C-alpha cells in the first residue's frame, strides 16, 4: 500500500516539483556566490542531478520522461 501511494502520479509530480525547486535554489545561490568554496562541487551536482533524477524516476514514469530532458 505504501509503495502504491508513493508511486501515485500526484506524489511523483510533487516530488518532481520539490527536486526542481532545489535545483532552482542551488542555481540562484551559485549565481549570487560564484567564487565561494563549495561552488564547484555544487555546479557538478547540479549538472548531474537532473539526469540522475530522471533515471530513478523512469521506473515510475516510463521512457517518456527522457523526452523532457534537454540533452
PDB file of N, CA and C in Angstrom:
ATOM      1  N   UNK A   1       0.818  -1.190   0.000  1.00  0.00           N
ATOM      2  CA  UNK A   1       0.000   0.000   0.000  1.00  0.00           C
ATOM      3  C   UNK A   1       0.870   1.265   0.000  1.00  0.00           C
ATOM      4  N   UNK A   2       1.912   1.268   0.825  1.00  0.00           N
ATOM      5  CA  UNK A   2       2.780   2.447   0.884  1.00  0.00           C
ATOM      6  C   UNK A   2       3.461   2.683  -0.452  1.00  0.00           C
ATOM      7  N   UNK A   3       3.905   1.595  -1.096  1.00  0.00           N
ATOM      8  CA  UNK A   3       4.554   1.749  -2.405  1.00  0.00           C
ATOM      9  C   UNK A   3       3.569   2.287  -3.430  1.00  0.00           C
ATOM     10  N   UNK A   4       2.344   1.811  -3.405  1.00  0.00           N
ATOM     11  CA  UNK A   4       1.343   2.277  -4.362  1.00  0.00           C
ATOM     12  C   UNK A   4       1.074   3.769  -4.174  1.00  0.00           C
ATOM     13  N   UNK A   5       0.962   4.222  -2.928  1.00  0.00           N
ATOM     14  CA  UNK A   5       0.703   5.640  -2.716  1.00  0.00           C
ATOM     15  C   UNK A   5       1.949   6.473  -3.016  1.00  0.00           C
ATOM     16  N   UNK A   6       3.108   5.914  -2.756  1.00  0.00           N
ATOM     17  CA  UNK A   6       4.363   6.605  -3.044  1.00  0.00           C
ATOM     18  C   UNK A   6       4.518   6.832  -4.547  1.00  0.00           C
ATOM     19  N   UNK A   7       4.059   5.903  -5.333  1.00  0.00           N
ATOM     20  CA  UNK A   7       4.260   5.956  -6.774  1.00  0.00           C
ATOM     21  C   UNK A   7       3.064   6.524  -7.518  1.00  0.00           C
ATOM     22  N   UNK A   8       2.085   7.030  -6.799  1.00  0.00           N
ATOM     23  CA  UNK A   8       0.911   7.617  -7.443  1.00  0.00           C
ATOM     24  C   UNK A   8       1.340   8.860  -8.216  1.00  0.00           C
ATOM     25  N   UNK A   9       0.652   9.169  -9.325  1.00  0.00           N
ATOM     26  CA  UNK A   9       1.047  10.311 -10.152  1.00  0.00           C
ATOM     27  C   UNK A   9       1.143  11.619  -9.379  1.00  0.00           C
ATOM     28  N   UNK A  10       0.241  11.869  -8.455  1.00  0.00           N
ATOM     29  CA  UNK A  10       0.291  13.107  -7.678  1.00  0.00           C
ATOM     30  C   UNK A  10       1.542  13.197  -6.832  1.00  0.00           C
ATOM     31  N   UNK A  11       1.941  12.086  -6.249  1.00  0.00           N
ATOM     32  CA  UNK A  11       3.150  12.072  -5.423  1.00  0.00           C
ATOM     33  C   UNK A  11       4.379  12.303  -6.295  1.00  0.00           C
ATOM     34  N   UNK A  12       4.438  11.688  -7.462  1.00  0.00           N
ATOM     35  CA  UNK A  12       5.595  11.876  -8.351  1.00  0.00           C
ATOM     36  C   UNK A  12       5.677  13.314  -8.812  1.00  0.00           C
ATOM     37  N   UNK A  13       4.521  13.929  -9.084  1.00  0.00           N
ATOM     38  CA  UNK A  13       4.514  15.323  -9.522  1.00  0.00           C
ATOM     39  C   UNK A  13       5.044  16.219  -8.416  1.00  0.00           C
ATOM     40  N   UNK A  14       4.610  15.982  -7.186  1.00  0.00           N
ATOM     41  CA  UNK A  14       5.078  16.825  -6.085  1.00  0.00           C
ATOM     42  C   UNK A  14       6.564  16.597  -5.834  1.00  0.00           C
ATOM     43  N   UNK A  15       7.032  15.349  -5.975  1.00  0.00           N
ATOM     44  CA  UNK A  15       8.471  15.093  -5.787  1.00  0.00           C
ATOM     45  C   UNK A  15       9.284  15.768  -6.888  1.00  0.00           C
ATOM     46  N   UNK A  16       8.776  15.737  -8.128  1.00  0.00           N
ATOM     47  CA  UNK A  16       9.468  16.407  -9.228  1.00  0.00           C
ATOM     48  C   UNK A  16       9.541  17.907  -9.005  1.00  0.00           C
ATOM     49  N   UNK A  17       8.475  18.485  -8.487  1.00  0.00           N
ATOM     50  CA  UNK A  17       8.480  19.928  -8.196  1.00  0.00           C
ATOM     51  C   UNK A  17       9.443  20.254  -7.065  1.00  0.00           C
ATOM     52  N   UNK A  18       9.494  19.378  -6.087  1.00  0.00           N
ATOM     53  CA  UNK A  18      10.421  19.574  -4.973  1.00  0.00           C
ATOM     54  C   UNK A  18      11.867  19.559  -5.481  1.00  0.00           C
ATOM     55  N   UNK A  19      12.195  18.580  -6.308  1.00  0.00           N
ATOM     56  CA  UNK A  19      13.552  18.484  -6.857  1.00  0.00           C
ATOM     57  C   UNK A  19      13.863  19.700  -7.723  1.00  0.00           C
ATOM     58  N   UNK A  20      12.922  20.114  -8.552  1.00  0.00           N
ATOM     59  CA  UNK A  20      13.140  21.283  -9.410  1.00  0.00           C
ATOM     60  C   UNK A  20      13.343  22.547  -8.573  1.00  0.00           C
ATOM     61  N   UNK A  21      12.616  22.666  -7.480  1.00  0.00           N
ATOM     62  CA  UNK A  21      12.789  23.826  -6.598  1.00  0.00           C
ATOM     63  C   UNK A  21      14.179  23.819  -5.965  1.00  0.00           C
ATOM     64  N   UNK A  22      14.667  22.649  -5.588  1.00  0.00           N
ATOM     65  CA  UNK A  22      16.022  22.555  -5.043  1.00  0.00           C
ATOM     66  C   UNK A  22      17.052  22.980  -6.079  1.00  0.00           C
ATOM     67  N   UNK A  23      16.883  22.529  -7.307  1.00  0.00           N
ATOM     68  CA  UNK A  23      17.833  22.885  -8.367  1.00  0.00           C
ATOM     69  C   UNK A  23      17.800  24.393  -8.629  1.00  0.00           C
ATOM     70  N   UNK A  24      16.609  24.973  -8.621  1.00  0.00           N
ATOM     71  CA  UNK A  24      16.479  26.410  -8.846  1.00  0.00           C
ATOM     72  C   UNK A  24      17.162  27.183  -7.721  1.00  0.00           C
ATOM     73  N   UNK A  25      16.942  26.774  -6.488  1.00  0.00           N
ATOM     74  CA  UNK A  25      17.593  27.443  -5.358  1.00  0.00           C
ATOM     75  C   UNK A  25      19.106  27.318  -5.436  1.00  0.00           C
ATOM     76  N   UNK A  26      19.579  26.156  -5.838  1.00  0.00           N
ATOM     77  CA  UNK A  26      21.020  25.963  -5.994  1.00  0.00           C
ATOM     78  C   UNK A  26      21.568  26.869  -7.081  1.00  0.00           C
ATOM     79  N   UNK A  27      20.860  26.942  -8.205  1.00  0.00           N
ATOM     80  CA  UNK A  27      21.289  27.812  -9.313  1.00  0.00           C
ATOM     81  C   UNK A  27      21.333  29.272  -8.864  1.00  0.00           C
ATOM     82  N   UNK A  28      20.327  29.709  -8.135  1.00  0.00           N
ATOM     83  CA  UNK A  28      20.300  31.097  -7.654  1.00  0.00           C
ATOM     84  C   UNK A  28      21.455  31.363  -6.695  1.00  0.00           C
ATOM     85  N   UNK A  29      21.731  30.401  -5.815  1.00  0.00           N
ATOM     86  CA  UNK A  29      22.844  30.571  -4.892  1.00  0.00           C
ATOM     87  C   UNK A  29      24.157  30.658  -5.656  1.00  0.00           C
ATOM     88  N   UNK A  30      24.334  29.800  -6.654  1.00  0.00           N
ATOM     89  CA  UNK A  30      25.558  29.820  -7.450  1.00  0.00           C
ATOM     90  C   UNK A  30      25.718  31.148  -8.189  1.00  0.00           C
ATOM     91  N   UNK A  31      24.616  31.682  -8.692  1.00  0.00           N
ATOM     92  CA  UNK A  31      24.679  32.976  -9.375  1.00  0.00           C
ATOM     93  C   UNK A  31      25.092  34.097  -8.424  1.00  0.00           C
ATOM     94  N   UNK A  32      24.639  34.000  -7.176  1.00  0.00           N
ATOM     95  CA  UNK A  32      24.947  35.037  -6.192  1.00  0.00           C
ATOM     96  C   UNK A  32      26.321  34.846  -5.538  1.00  0.00           C
ATOM     97  N   UNK A  33      26.858  33.617  -5.545  1.00  0.00           N
ATOM     98  CA  UNK A  33      28.119  33.311  -4.857  1.00  0.00           C
ATOM     99  C   UNK A  33      29.049  32.487  -5.758  1.00  0.00           C
ATOM    100  N   UNK A  34      29.422  33.003  -6.921  1.00  0.00           N
ATOM    101  CA  UNK A  34      30.183  32.193  -7.866  1.00  0.00           C
ATOM    102  C   UNK A  34      31.575  31.784  -7.383  1.00  0.00           C
ATOM    103  N   UNK A  35      32.164  32.536  -6.481  1.00  0.00           N
ATOM    104  CA  UNK A  35      33.521  32.223  -6.050  1.00  0.00           C
ATOM    105  C   UNK A  35      33.621  31.508  -4.719  1.00  0.00           C
ATOM    106  N   UNK A  36      32.496  31.207  -4.102  1.00  0.00           N
ATOM    107  CA  UNK A  36      32.533  30.532  -2.797  1.00  0.00           C
ATOM    108  C   UNK A  36      33.122  29.131  -2.919  1.00  0.00           C
ATOM    109  N   UNK A  37      33.663  28.656  -1.822  1.00  0.00           N
ATOM    110  CA  UNK A  37      34.365  27.371  -1.810  1.00  0.00           C
ATOM    111  C   UNK A  37      33.526  26.195  -2.340  1.00  0.00           C
ATOM    112  N   UNK A  38      32.264  26.021  -1.935  1.00  0.00           N
ATOM    113  CA  UNK A  38      31.509  24.858  -2.415  1.00  0.00           C
ATOM    114  C   UNK A  38      30.906  25.031  -3.812  1.00  0.00           C
ATOM    115  N   UNK A  39      31.150  26.148  -4.468  1.00  0.00           N
ATOM    116  CA  UNK A  39      30.503  26.417  -5.759  1.00  0.00           C
ATOM    117  C   UNK A  39      30.839  25.364  -6.810  1.00  0.00           C
ATOM    118  N   UNK A  40      32.091  24.951  -6.900  1.00  0.00           N
ATOM    119  CA  UNK A  40      32.471  23.950  -7.897  1.00  0.00           C
ATOM    120  C   UNK A  40      31.770  22.622  -7.678  1.00  0.00           C
ATOM    121  N   UNK A  41      31.715  22.208  -6.438  1.00  0.00           N
ATOM    122  CA  UNK A  41      31.032  20.948  -6.115  1.00  0.00           C
ATOM    123  C   UNK A  41      29.533  21.055  -6.389  1.00  0.00           C
ATOM    124  N   UNK A  42      28.943  22.195  -6.059  1.00  0.00           N
ATOM    125  CA  UNK A  42      27.508  22.377  -6.311  1.00  0.00           C
ATOM    126  C   UNK A  42      27.209  22.424  -7.808  1.00  0.00           C
ATOM    127  N   UNK A  43      28.099  23.032  -8.592  1.00  0.00           N
ATOM    128  CA  UNK A  43      27.897  23.052 -10.051  1.00  0.00           C
ATOM    129  C   UNK A  43      27.922  21.629 -10.618  1.00  0.00           C
ATOM    130  N   UNK A  44      28.843  20.820 -10.146  1.00  0.00           N
ATOM    131  CA  UNK A  44      28.927  19.435 -10.602  1.00  0.00           C
ATOM    132  C   UNK A  44      27.666  18.664 -10.206  1.00  0.00           C
ATOM    133  N   UNK A  45      27.211  18.865  -8.992  1.00  0.00           N
ATOM    134  CA  UNK A  45      25.991  18.197  -8.530  1.00  0.00           C
ATOM    135  C   UNK A  45      24.789  18.654  -9.343  1.00  0.00           C
ATOM    136  N   UNK A  46      24.704  19.947  -9.610  1.00  0.00           N
ATOM    137  CA  UNK A  46      23.588  20.484 -10.381  1.00  0.00           C
ATOM    138  C   UNK A  46      23.606  19.959 -11.817  1.00  0.00           C
ATOM    139  N   UNK A  47      24.784  19.728 -12.359  1.00  0.00           N
ATOM    140  CA  UNK A  47      24.888  19.195 -13.714  1.00  0.00           C
ATOM    141  C   UNK A  47      24.435  17.735 -13.786  1.00  0.00           C
ATOM    142  N   UNK A  48      24.663  16.968 -12.729  1.00  0.00           N
ATOM    143  CA  UNK A  48      24.344  15.538 -12.730  1.00  0.00           C
ATOM    144  C   UNK A  48      22.955  15.226 -12.177  1.00  0.00           C
ATOM    145  N   UNK A  49      22.431  16.058 -11.314  1.00  0.00           N
ATOM    146  CA  UNK A  49      21.192  15.741 -10.590  1.00  0.00           C
ATOM    147  C   UNK A  49      19.976  15.510 -11.491  1.00  0.00           C
ATOM    148  N   UNK A  50      19.705  16.344 -12.496  1.00  0.00           N
ATOM    149  CA  UNK A  50      18.506  16.100 -13.312  1.00  0.00           C
ATOM    150  C   UNK A  50      18.541  14.751 -14.038  1.00  0.00           C
ATOM    151  N   UNK A  51      19.684  14.381 -14.591  1.00  0.00           N
ATOM    152  CA  UNK A  51      19.775  13.085 -15.281  1.00  0.00           C
ATOM    153  C   UNK A  51      19.618  11.935 -14.292  1.00  0.00           C
ATOM    154  N   UNK A  52      20.231  12.055 -13.121  1.00  0.00           N
ATOM    155  CA  UNK A  52      20.096  11.022 -12.096  1.00  0.00           C
ATOM    156  C   UNK A  52      18.645  10.919 -11.627  1.00  0.00           C
ATOM    157  N   UNK A  53      17.996  12.050 -11.469  1.00  0.00           N
ATOM    158  CA  UNK A  53      16.586  12.074 -11.067  1.00  0.00           C
ATOM    159  C   UNK A  53      15.720  11.389 -12.129  1.00  0.00           C
ATOM    160  N   UNK A  54      16.004  11.682 -13.397  1.00  0.00           N
ATOM    161  CA  UNK A  54      15.220  11.071 -14.481  1.00  0.00           C
ATOM    162  C   UNK A  54      15.451   9.567 -14.553  1.00  0.00           C
ATOM    163  N   UNK A  55      16.679   9.120 -14.350  1.00  0.00           N
ATOM    164  CA  UNK A  55      16.943   7.678 -14.366  1.00  0.00           C
ATOM    165  C   UNK A  55      16.201   6.977 -13.239  1.00  0.00           C
ATOM    166  N   UNK A  56      16.201   7.581 -12.065  1.00  0.00           N
ATOM    167  CA  UNK A  56      15.499   6.983 -10.931  1.00  0.00           C
ATOM    168  C   UNK A  56      13.992   6.983 -11.173  1.00  0.00           C
ATOM    169  N   UNK A  57      13.480   8.056 -11.722  1.00  0.00           N
ATOM    170  CA  UNK A  57      12.038   8.186 -11.925  1.00  0.00           C
ATOM    171  C   UNK A  57      11.534   7.363 -13.108  1.00  0.00           C
ATOM    172  N   UNK A  58      12.422   6.939 -14.011  1.00  0.00           N
ATOM    173  CA  UNK A  58      11.992   6.212 -15.197  1.00  0.00           C
ATOM    174  C   UNK A  58      11.158   4.989 -14.853  1.00  0.00           C
ATOM    175  N   UNK A  59      11.478   4.294 -13.793  1.00  0.00           N
ATOM    176  CA  UNK A  59      10.730   3.102 -13.441  1.00  0.00           C
ATOM    177  C   UNK A  59       9.286   3.436 -13.083  1.00  0.00           C
ATOM    178  N   UNK A  60       9.025   4.670 -12.670  1.00  0.00           N
ATOM    179  CA  UNK A  60       7.665   5.063 -12.317  1.00  0.00           C
ATOM    180  C   UNK A  60       6.967   5.807 -13.452  1.00  0.00           C
ATOM    181  N   UNK A  61       7.729   6.574 -14.215  1.00  0.00           N
ATOM    182  CA  UNK A  61       7.138   7.427 -15.242  1.00  0.00           C
ATOM    183  C   UNK A  61       7.264   6.863 -16.654  1.00  0.00           C
ATOM    184  N   UNK A  62       8.114   5.880 -16.855  1.00  0.00           N
ATOM    185  CA  UNK A  62       8.306   5.319 -18.185  1.00  0.00           C
ATOM    186  C   UNK A  62       9.355   6.094 -18.968  1.00  0.00           C
ATOM    187  N   UNK A  63       9.561   5.695 -20.201  1.00  0.00           N
ATOM    188  CA  UNK A  63      10.602   6.293 -21.034  1.00  0.00           C
ATOM    189  C   UNK A  63      10.271   7.711 -21.462  1.00  0.00           C
ATOM    190  N   UNK A  64       9.013   8.096 -21.417  1.00  0.00           N
ATOM    191  CA  UNK A  64       8.622   9.434 -21.854  1.00  0.00           C
ATOM    192  C   UNK A  64       9.307  10.553 -21.092  1.00  0.00           C
ATOM    193  N   UNK A  65       9.798  10.288 -19.886  1.00  0.00           N
ATOM    194  CA  UNK A  65      10.459  11.327 -19.113  1.00  0.00           C
ATOM    195  C   UNK A  65      11.718  11.822 -19.814  1.00  0.00           C
ATOM    196  N   UNK A  66      12.359  11.004 -20.607  1.00  0.00           N
ATOM    197  CA  UNK A  66      13.569  11.415 -21.310  1.00  0.00           C
ATOM    198  C   UNK A  66      13.299  12.436 -22.407  1.00  0.00           C
ATOM    199  N   UNK A  67      12.084  12.485 -22.887  1.00  0.00           N
ATOM    200  CA  UNK A  67      11.717  13.482 -23.885  1.00  0.00           C
ATOM    201  C   UNK A  67      11.806  14.876 -23.289  1.00  0.00           C
ATOM    202  N   UNK A  68      11.593  14.990 -21.998  1.00  0.00           N
ATOM    203  CA  UNK A  68      11.585  16.283 -21.321  1.00  0.00           C
ATOM    204  C   UNK A  68      12.982  16.793 -21.015  1.00  0.00           C
ATOM    205  N   UNK A  69      13.986  15.937 -21.118  1.00  0.00           N
ATOM    206  CA  UNK A  69      15.354  16.354 -20.769  1.00  0.00           C
ATOM    207  C   UNK A  69      16.014  17.067 -21.932  1.00  0.00           C
ATOM    208  N   UNK A  70      16.666  18.171 -21.608  1.00  0.00           N
ATOM    209  CA  UNK A  70      17.408  18.941 -22.604  1.00  0.00           C
ATOM    210  C   UNK A  70      18.813  18.398 -22.677  1.00  0.00           C
ATOM    211  N   UNK A  71      19.112  17.601 -23.672  1.00  0.00           N
ATOM    212  CA  UNK A  71      20.441  16.982 -23.803  1.00  0.00           C
ATOM    213  C   UNK A  71      21.038  17.329 -25.126  1.00  0.00           C
TER     214      UNK A  71
END
